[in-house]
Protein backbone atom coordinates (compact mmCIF):
# COMPACT_ATOMS: atom_id res chain seq x y z
CA UNK A 1 210.25 108.48 225.71
CA UNK A 2 207.70 111.30 225.82
CA UNK A 3 205.26 109.25 223.76
CA UNK A 4 205.59 106.42 226.26
CA UNK A 5 204.93 108.75 229.19
CA UNK A 6 201.94 110.33 227.47
CA UNK A 7 200.45 106.94 226.60
CA UNK A 8 200.36 105.90 230.26
CA UNK A 9 199.27 109.27 231.59
CA UNK A 10 196.11 107.92 233.19
CA UNK A 11 197.52 104.56 234.23
CA UNK A 12 199.07 103.98 237.63
CA UNK A 13 201.94 101.65 238.30
CA UNK A 14 201.53 98.77 240.72
CA UNK A 15 204.19 100.34 242.93
CA UNK A 16 202.16 103.54 243.28
CA UNK A 17 199.00 101.63 244.14
CA UNK A 18 200.90 99.50 246.65
CA UNK A 19 202.29 102.65 248.27
CA UNK A 20 198.80 104.10 248.65
CA UNK A 21 197.64 100.80 250.14
CA UNK A 22 200.60 100.83 252.53
CA UNK A 23 199.72 104.36 253.67
CA UNK A 24 196.11 103.35 254.30
CA UNK A 25 196.92 100.14 256.18
CA UNK A 26 199.73 101.70 258.21
CA UNK A 27 197.58 104.64 259.28
CA UNK A 28 194.58 102.53 260.27
CA UNK A 29 196.59 99.81 262.02
CA UNK A 30 199.27 102.10 263.53
CA UNK A 31 202.01 100.06 261.87
CA UNK A 32 205.42 101.69 261.97
CA UNK A 33 204.34 104.38 264.37
CA UNK A 34 206.19 104.96 267.62
CA UNK A 35 204.28 103.88 270.69
CA UNK A 36 202.83 106.73 272.71
CA UNK A 37 204.18 106.93 276.23
CA UNK A 38 201.64 105.79 278.80
CA UNK A 39 201.41 105.31 282.52
CA UNK A 40 201.15 101.81 283.83
CA UNK A 41 201.56 98.45 282.21
CA UNK A 42 202.22 98.26 278.50
CA UNK A 43 201.92 94.93 276.70
CA UNK A 44 204.69 95.65 274.20
CA UNK A 45 208.01 97.40 274.43
CA UNK A 46 208.46 100.36 272.12
CA UNK A 47 209.88 99.29 268.78
CA UNK A 48 213.21 100.68 267.71
CA UNK A 49 213.26 102.91 264.62
CA UNK A 50 215.00 100.15 262.64
CA UNK A 51 212.26 97.69 263.56
CA UNK A 52 209.57 100.15 262.45
CA UNK A 53 211.36 100.59 259.10
CA UNK A 54 211.53 96.82 258.64
CA UNK A 55 207.81 96.55 259.47
CA UNK A 56 206.95 99.17 256.86
CA UNK A 57 209.17 97.59 254.20
CA UNK A 58 207.66 94.18 254.89
CA UNK A 59 204.17 95.65 254.69
CA UNK A 60 205.03 97.39 251.40
CA UNK A 61 206.21 94.08 249.95
CA UNK A 62 202.98 92.42 251.02
CA UNK A 63 200.92 95.28 249.55
CA UNK A 64 202.80 95.03 246.26
CA UNK A 65 202.18 91.28 246.09
CA UNK A 66 198.49 91.86 246.79
CA UNK A 67 198.24 94.47 244.04
CA UNK A 68 199.99 92.15 241.59
CA UNK A 69 197.66 89.29 242.57
CA UNK A 70 200.38 87.16 244.15
CA UNK A 71 199.48 87.66 247.80
CA UNK A 72 197.44 84.63 248.82
CA UNK A 73 199.28 81.89 246.97
CA UNK A 74 202.70 82.42 248.52
């Protein structure tokens, strides 16, 4: 088992790359973040925590497919 871990020391798993991609996309697009309270009209209602979790999980799945090269064909 140690030999296997040492062999892939420099390699990153697709899941790790997809997680980094998720972090980047979510932070730049404000996905999964609670809406800031504002005065006046707001186009969207604040998403519930469960909805934000589902958005992030869906985005992670899409990121993983993109990293694996399966994103555009499905």
